[in-house]
Protein backbone atom coordinates (compact mmCIF):
# COMPACT_ATOMS: atom_id res chain seq x y z
CA MET A 1 3.35 25.96 -17.92
CA ALA A 2 3.76 26.52 -14.16
CA ILE A 3 3.34 23.71 -11.65
CA GLN A 4 -0.32 23.33 -10.68
CA PHE A 5 -1.29 21.85 -7.30
CA LEU A 6 -4.35 19.61 -7.70
CA ASP A 7 -5.04 17.72 -4.47
CA MET A 8 -3.62 16.11 -1.35
CA ARG A 9 -5.28 13.28 0.60
CA LEU A 10 -4.47 10.88 3.40
CA SER A 11 -5.88 7.63 4.64
CA VAL A 12 -5.26 6.42 8.19
CA HIS A 13 -5.98 2.75 8.79
CA SER A 14 -4.42 3.01 12.24
CA ASN A 15 -2.58 5.90 13.87
CA GLU A 16 -1.21 4.14 16.93
CA SER A 17 0.74 1.02 17.80
CA GLY A 18 -0.70 -1.94 19.57
CA GLY A 19 -2.95 -3.20 16.78
CA THR A 20 -3.73 -6.90 16.53
CA THR A 21 -5.12 -7.28 13.00
CA ALA A 22 -3.81 -10.56 11.59
CA PHE A 23 -3.24 -10.61 7.86
CA SER A 24 -2.78 -13.49 5.45
CA SER A 25 -2.33 -14.28 1.77
CA THR A 26 -5.66 -12.51 1.10
CA PRO A 27 -4.72 -8.84 0.51
CA LEU A 28 -5.94 -6.52 3.27
CA LEU A 29 -6.97 -2.98 2.24
CA ILE A 30 -5.01 -0.56 4.45
CA GLY A 31 -5.16 2.66 2.40
CA ASP A 32 -7.73 4.25 0.09
CA ILE A 33 -7.58 7.79 -1.32
CA GLY A 34 -9.18 9.63 -4.22
CA LEU A 35 -7.03 12.40 -5.68
CA GLN A 36 -9.15 15.09 -7.35
CA THR A 37 -8.02 16.04 -10.86
CA ALA A 38 -11.11 17.88 -12.12
CA GLY A 39 -9.41 21.28 -11.75
CA VAL A 40 -6.46 20.48 -13.99
CA SER A 41 -5.74 23.00 -16.74
CA PRO A 42 -6.43 21.57 -20.22
CA PHE A 43 -2.77 22.26 -21.06
CA ASN A 44 -1.64 20.10 -18.11
CA VAL A 45 -3.78 16.97 -18.59
CA SER A 46 -0.84 14.96 -19.91
CA THR A 47 1.58 16.18 -17.22
CA VAL A 48 -0.27 15.09 -14.08
CA ARG A 49 1.74 13.11 -11.59
CA ALA A 50 0.98 11.64 -8.21
CA LEU A 51 3.35 11.11 -5.30
CA LEU A 52 2.14 8.40 -2.96
CA THR A 53 3.69 7.24 0.32
CA GLY A 54 2.59 4.55 2.71
CA THR A 55 3.75 2.88 5.90
CA ALA A 56 2.57 -0.26 7.65
CA SER A 57 3.99 -1.50 10.94
CA VAL A 58 4.08 -5.28 11.19
CA ALA A 59 4.89 -7.77 13.94
CA LYS A 60 5.75 -11.45 13.62
CA VAL A 61 4.38 -13.34 16.61
CA PHE A 62 4.87 -16.92 17.73
CA SER A 63 1.48 -18.58 17.54
CA PRO A 64 1.80 -22.37 17.19
CA THR A 65 -1.30 -24.16 15.97
CA SER A 66 0.14 -27.67 16.27
CA GLU A 67 3.05 -29.72 17.56
CA GLU A 68 4.51 -30.08 14.05
CA GLU A 69 8.17 -29.32 13.45
CA VAL A 70 8.61 -25.85 11.97
CA PRO A 71 10.32 -25.91 8.55
CA ASP A 72 12.99 -23.32 7.77
CA LEU A 73 11.19 -21.28 5.12
CA THR A 74 11.00 -17.61 4.24
CA ALA A 75 7.78 -15.61 4.44
CA ARG A 76 7.10 -12.84 1.92
CA ILE A 77 5.18 -9.71 2.88
CA THR A 78 3.78 -7.87 -0.14
CA ILE A 79 2.59 -4.26 -0.25
CA THR A 80 0.70 -3.40 -3.43
CA VAL A 81 -0.53 -0.01 -4.66
CA GLU A 82 -3.18 0.08 -7.40
CA ARG A 83 -4.73 2.84 -9.51
CA ASN A 84 -8.50 3.01 -10.10
CA GLY A 85 -9.52 -0.28 -8.53
CA THR A 86 -12.75 -0.96 -6.66
CA GLY A 87 -11.14 -1.49 -3.24
CA THR A 88 -10.63 -5.20 -3.91
CA ALA A 89 -7.07 -6.29 -4.71
CA GLY A 90 -6.48 -7.06 -8.36
CA THR A 91 -9.23 -4.81 -9.73
CA GLY A 92 -6.96 -1.84 -10.50
CA THR A 93 -3.72 -1.20 -12.35
CA VAL A 94 -0.77 -2.23 -10.17
CA ILE A 95 1.68 0.67 -10.01
CA LEU A 96 3.87 -0.75 -7.23
CA GLU A 97 4.51 -4.14 -5.70
CA GLU A 98 7.07 -4.29 -2.89
CA VAL A 99 8.06 -7.71 -1.53
CA VAL A 100 9.92 -8.05 1.77
CA GLN A 101 11.36 -11.43 2.70
CA VAL A 102 11.25 -12.42 6.37
CA GLY A 103 13.42 -15.37 7.40
CA ALA A 104 12.28 -18.02 9.87
CA ALA A 105 14.80 -16.89 12.50
CA GLN A 106 13.88 -13.21 12.15
CA THR A 107 11.66 -12.34 15.09
CA THR A 108 10.84 -8.70 14.41
CA VAL A 109 9.76 -6.78 11.33
CA ALA A 110 10.33 -3.02 11.18
CA PRO A 111 7.79 -0.60 9.76
CA LEU A 112 7.54 -1.14 6.01
CA SER A 113 7.39 2.00 3.86
CA VAL A 114 6.83 2.61 0.17
CA SER A 115 7.12 5.66 -2.07
CA VAL A 116 5.43 5.62 -5.46
CA GLY A 117 5.45 7.99 -8.41
CA ASP A 118 2.61 7.65 -10.91
CA PHE A 119 2.04 9.38 -14.24
CA PRO A 120 -1.62 8.52 -14.86
CA PRO A 121 -2.97 8.38 -18.40
CA ALA A 122 -4.93 11.40 -19.65
CA ALA A 123 -8.19 9.42 -19.61
CA ALA A 124 -7.82 8.77 -15.87
CA VAL A 125 -7.05 12.45 -15.23
CA GLN A 126 -10.06 13.64 -17.26
CA ALA A 127 -12.37 11.41 -15.20
CA GLY A 128 -11.94 13.98 -12.40
CA GLN A 129 -10.66 11.65 -9.68
CA ILE A 130 -8.01 8.97 -9.50
CA ARG A 131 -8.47 6.34 -6.82
CA TYR A 132 -5.37 4.79 -5.26
CA THR A 133 -5.47 1.82 -2.89
CA MET A 134 -2.78 0.10 -0.81
CA PHE A 135 -2.93 -3.55 0.25
CA ILE A 136 -0.79 -5.79 2.43
CA SER A 137 -0.58 -9.58 2.36
CA VAL A 138 1.82 -12.33 3.44
CA ASP A 139 2.81 -15.62 1.87
CA ASN A 140 3.54 -17.39 5.15
CA PRO A 141 4.79 -20.99 4.88
CA LEU A 142 5.31 -20.94 8.66
CA SER A 143 1.65 -20.34 9.54
CA ILE A 144 1.75 -23.38 11.83
CA ALA A 145 4.09 -21.45 14.13
CA PHE A 146 3.95 -17.73 13.32
CA GLN A 147 1.38 -15.18 12.31
CA TYR A 148 1.82 -11.62 11.09
CA LEU A 149 -0.05 -8.74 12.70
CA LEU A 150 -0.68 -5.24 11.44
CA THR A 151 0.28 -3.43 14.63
CA GLY A 152 0.04 0.13 13.39
CA PRO A 153 0.46 2.77 12.48
CA ALA A 154 -0.72 2.16 8.91
CA VAL A 155 -1.10 5.25 6.72
CA PHE A 156 -1.30 6.11 3.01
CA ASN A 157 -0.86 9.63 1.58
CA GLY A 158 -1.00 11.16 -1.88
CA VAL A 159 -0.41 14.46 -3.66
CA ALA A 160 -1.31 15.26 -7.28
CA THR A 161 0.28 18.05 -9.31
CA ALA A 162 0.54 18.99 -12.98
CA GLY A 163 2.84 21.04 -15.18
CA THR A 164 6.47 20.81 -16.19
CA THR A 165 8.32 23.85 -14.83
């Protein structure tokens, strides 16, 4: 069966740099798309696949909250992509979890990007829409001295197709 294009969506949390949204260990929703699958051919229901890409630009800024000595510990930034959640982290099926370690001496963090391939189950395809969400969080043991900001851009894109040839 020929390749069948189903849908393409994008979500723009921020399309410019200069953002100042602080994020923490509580996952922050930065991407939310619903890929339409209602038009899939009955012969292609089991061959649907989604290609998802996302980017989040992050800055590590010195922001002391006390005079305490800063321990030498590593922070971990986590980007998570879920299928069919409610928009709250942990309510969907995790299809990607990317962890980036940031050392105490590292003063800058480059844009973080993920690419995800998903082969959703037939039941999700037959529902007519598959919701994908992207979250960012940080496990920051150095919160007494540094904070992490979502500076932008932050985008999340998806394409759904079906078929095998």
